[in-house]
Protein backbone atom coordinates (compact mmCIF):
# COMPACT_ATOMS: atom_id res chain seq x y z
CA MET A 1 -28.43 95.04 75.85
CA LYS A 2 -29.76 92.25 74.47
CA LYS A 3 -27.22 92.74 71.69
CA ILE A 4 -24.33 93.33 73.77
CA ALA A 5 -25.65 89.93 76.28
CA VAL A 6 -25.87 88.56 72.39
CA PHE A 7 -22.55 89.46 70.82
CA LEU A 8 -20.96 88.61 74.68
CA THR A 9 -22.72 84.39 74.27
CA VAL A 10 -21.80 84.62 70.45
CA ALA A 11 -18.21 86.06 71.33
CA VAL A 12 -17.64 82.96 74.02
CA ALA A 13 -18.88 79.87 72.21
CA VAL A 14 -16.88 80.62 69.29
CA THR A 15 -14.35 80.90 71.41
CA LEU A 16 -14.62 78.34 73.55
CA LEU A 17 -15.52 76.33 69.84
CA TYR A 18 -11.84 77.59 68.50
CA LEU A 19 -9.78 76.39 72.03
CA ASN A 20 -11.38 72.71 71.61
CA THR A 21 -10.73 72.47 68.05
CA GLY A 22 -7.54 70.55 66.94
CA LEU A 23 -5.42 69.94 69.82
CA GLY A 24 -8.12 70.94 72.71
CA PHE A 25 -8.20 73.47 75.25
CA LYS A 26 -5.16 71.57 76.66
CA PHE A 27 -2.19 71.92 74.24
CA THR A 28 -1.29 74.86 71.18
CA GLU A 29 1.57 74.65 68.89
CA VAL A 30 4.57 76.38 68.76
CA VAL A 31 4.62 77.73 65.52
CA GLY A 32 7.43 78.17 63.70
CA THR A 33 10.57 76.78 61.49
CA PRO A 34 10.60 73.15 62.08
CA GLU A 35 13.66 73.73 64.46
CA VAL A 36 11.47 75.62 66.65
CA ARG A 37 7.52 73.59 66.40
CA ALA A 38 6.50 71.79 69.16
CA ILE A 39 3.31 71.09 71.07
CA LYS A 40 3.02 72.28 74.57
CA HIS A 41 0.19 72.90 77.35
CA ARG A 42 -1.56 76.55 76.61
CA PHE A 43 -1.62 77.23 79.86
CA SER A 44 1.64 75.89 81.66
CA ASN A 45 3.87 76.32 78.54
CA ASP A 46 5.60 72.98 79.47
CA ILE A 47 6.41 71.72 75.92
CA ALA A 48 4.88 67.60 75.56
CA VAL A 49 6.70 66.94 72.61
CA GLN A 50 9.73 68.60 71.88
CA PRO A 51 10.93 70.20 68.52
CA ALA A 52 11.42 68.64 65.99
CA ILE A 53 7.98 68.64 65.08
CA ILE A 54 8.51 68.12 61.07
CA ASP A 55 4.83 66.71 60.60
CA TYR A 56 1.53 65.49 62.78
CA GLN A 57 -1.76 64.92 62.08
CA ILE A 58 -4.73 64.98 64.95
CA GLU A 59 -7.28 61.80 64.83
CA ASP A 60 -9.46 61.17 67.77
CA GLY A 61 -7.63 62.73 70.91
CA TYR A 62 -4.49 61.86 69.55
CA ALA A 63 -1.74 63.85 67.97
CA PHE A 64 0.84 61.63 66.23
CA GLY A 65 3.80 62.53 63.91
CA PHE A 66 7.70 62.35 63.27
CA ARG A 67 10.19 65.24 64.42
CA LEU A 68 14.17 65.11 64.21
CA PRO A 69 15.11 65.40 68.15
CA ALA A 70 17.56 67.98 68.71
CA TYR A 71 20.40 68.61 70.93
CA GLU A 72 23.59 70.92 71.74
CA ALA A 73 26.46 70.07 70.91
CA SER A 74 29.97 71.87 71.40
CA CYS A 75 31.94 72.37 68.23
CA GLU A 76 35.43 73.29 66.90
CA ASN A 77 37.02 72.03 70.11
CA SER A 78 34.03 73.55 72.13
CA LYS A 79 34.75 77.13 70.09
CA TYR A 80 31.25 77.52 69.00
CA THR A 81 27.89 75.88 70.45
CA SER A 82 25.41 74.55 68.13
CA SER A 83 21.77 73.82 68.28
CA LEU A 84 20.88 70.33 65.51
CA LEU A 85 18.90 68.57 65.03
CA SER A 86 19.36 64.34 64.97
CA LEU A 87 19.45 62.84 61.52
CA ASP A 88 17.90 60.01 62.85
CA GLY A 89 14.38 60.77 63.94
CA VAL A 90 11.44 59.63 66.17
CA TYR A 91 7.97 58.74 66.10
CA PHE A 92 5.75 60.13 68.69
CA ILE A 93 2.13 59.59 69.68
CA LEU A 94 0.92 62.31 72.45
CA ASN A 95 -2.58 61.31 73.95
CA LEU A 96 -3.80 64.34 73.98
CA SER A 97 -6.79 63.31 76.74
CA ASN A 98 -4.09 62.44 79.76
CA ASP A 99 -0.67 63.70 78.76
CA SER A 100 0.78 60.33 77.74
CA TYR A 101 3.65 60.35 75.43
CA VAL A 102 4.85 57.23 73.51
CA GLU A 103 8.29 57.42 71.00
CA PHE A 104 9.33 55.26 68.05
CA ASN A 105 12.25 54.83 66.13
CA GLN A 106 10.96 52.63 63.47
CA SER A 107 7.82 53.34 61.60
CA ASP A 108 6.57 49.42 61.58
CA LYS A 109 6.53 49.37 64.75
CA PHE A 110 4.69 53.78 65.23
CA TYR A 111 2.45 52.62 62.26
CA LYS A 112 0.88 48.75 64.50
CA HIS A 113 0.94 51.30 67.78
CA LEU A 114 -1.90 53.24 65.91
CA SER A 115 -3.91 50.70 63.99
CA SER A 116 -3.56 49.20 67.30
CA LYS A 117 -5.38 52.72 68.39
CA GLY A 118 -8.06 52.85 65.87
CA LEU A 119 -5.66 55.31 64.09
CA GLU A 120 -5.21 54.07 60.32
CA LYS A 121 -5.17 57.38 58.55
CA GLY A 122 -0.57 57.85 59.14
CA LEU A 123 1.11 60.93 58.64
CA ASN A 124 0.56 63.34 55.16
CA LEU A 125 3.94 62.66 54.41
CA THR A 126 5.51 59.23 53.34
CA SER A 127 8.74 57.48 54.54
CA ALA A 128 10.25 58.85 51.55
CA GLU A 129 9.59 62.14 52.45
CA LEU A 130 10.75 61.80 55.58
CA ASP A 131 13.91 60.42 54.37
CA LYS A 132 14.15 63.55 51.95
CA VAL A 133 13.62 65.96 55.29
CA VAL A 134 16.58 64.20 55.85
CA ALA A 135 18.84 64.28 54.05
CA THR A 136 18.20 67.83 53.53
CA TYR A 137 19.40 68.29 56.55
CA ASP A 138 22.28 66.39 56.88
CA SER A 139 23.17 67.77 53.39
CA ARG A 140 22.83 71.81 55.42
CA TYR A 141 25.17 70.68 58.18
CA LYS A 142 27.49 69.63 55.67
CA GLU A 143 27.56 72.48 53.56
CA PHE A 144 29.03 74.14 57.19
CA GLY A 145 32.32 71.69 57.47
CA TYR A 146 32.59 72.60 60.58
CA PHE A 147 29.50 70.52 62.47
CA ASP A 148 31.72 67.17 62.09
CA THR A 149 33.60 68.47 64.21
CA CYS A 150 30.26 68.58 66.95
CA LYS A 151 29.81 66.28 69.67
CA PRO A 152 26.88 66.20 72.18
CA LEU A 153 27.00 68.29 74.71
């Protein structure tokens, strides 16, 4: 009986430790290709950071990173609808304790805001690597010629 009690105690402790690491108890990552990668509330499934997250870090109660916003588009005179990624990426900061969220279109404003929060680490990806990701999606869209006919819905 004591072994079962010890086992259950350890199992609960490990589970709570796991849930409180990384994104914390409230959030979880939607794993997959960048097109679907997002951060959502663990229990309600509400999306806190929309896809497509290209890179992000967690530091001192914040998740911050870079994403290419997804949008629905009508293509070839409304023959098709497609989910596309904007090639104008945005930087984001999510406060994991109070759910506040802010986006930046310019990297200098993003890094200035990170510094004001005492978050000095920054992203793993350099701006040149982020530019490379954007160029990859741009070339994919050009490869399939009909994407130039797409207009946001």
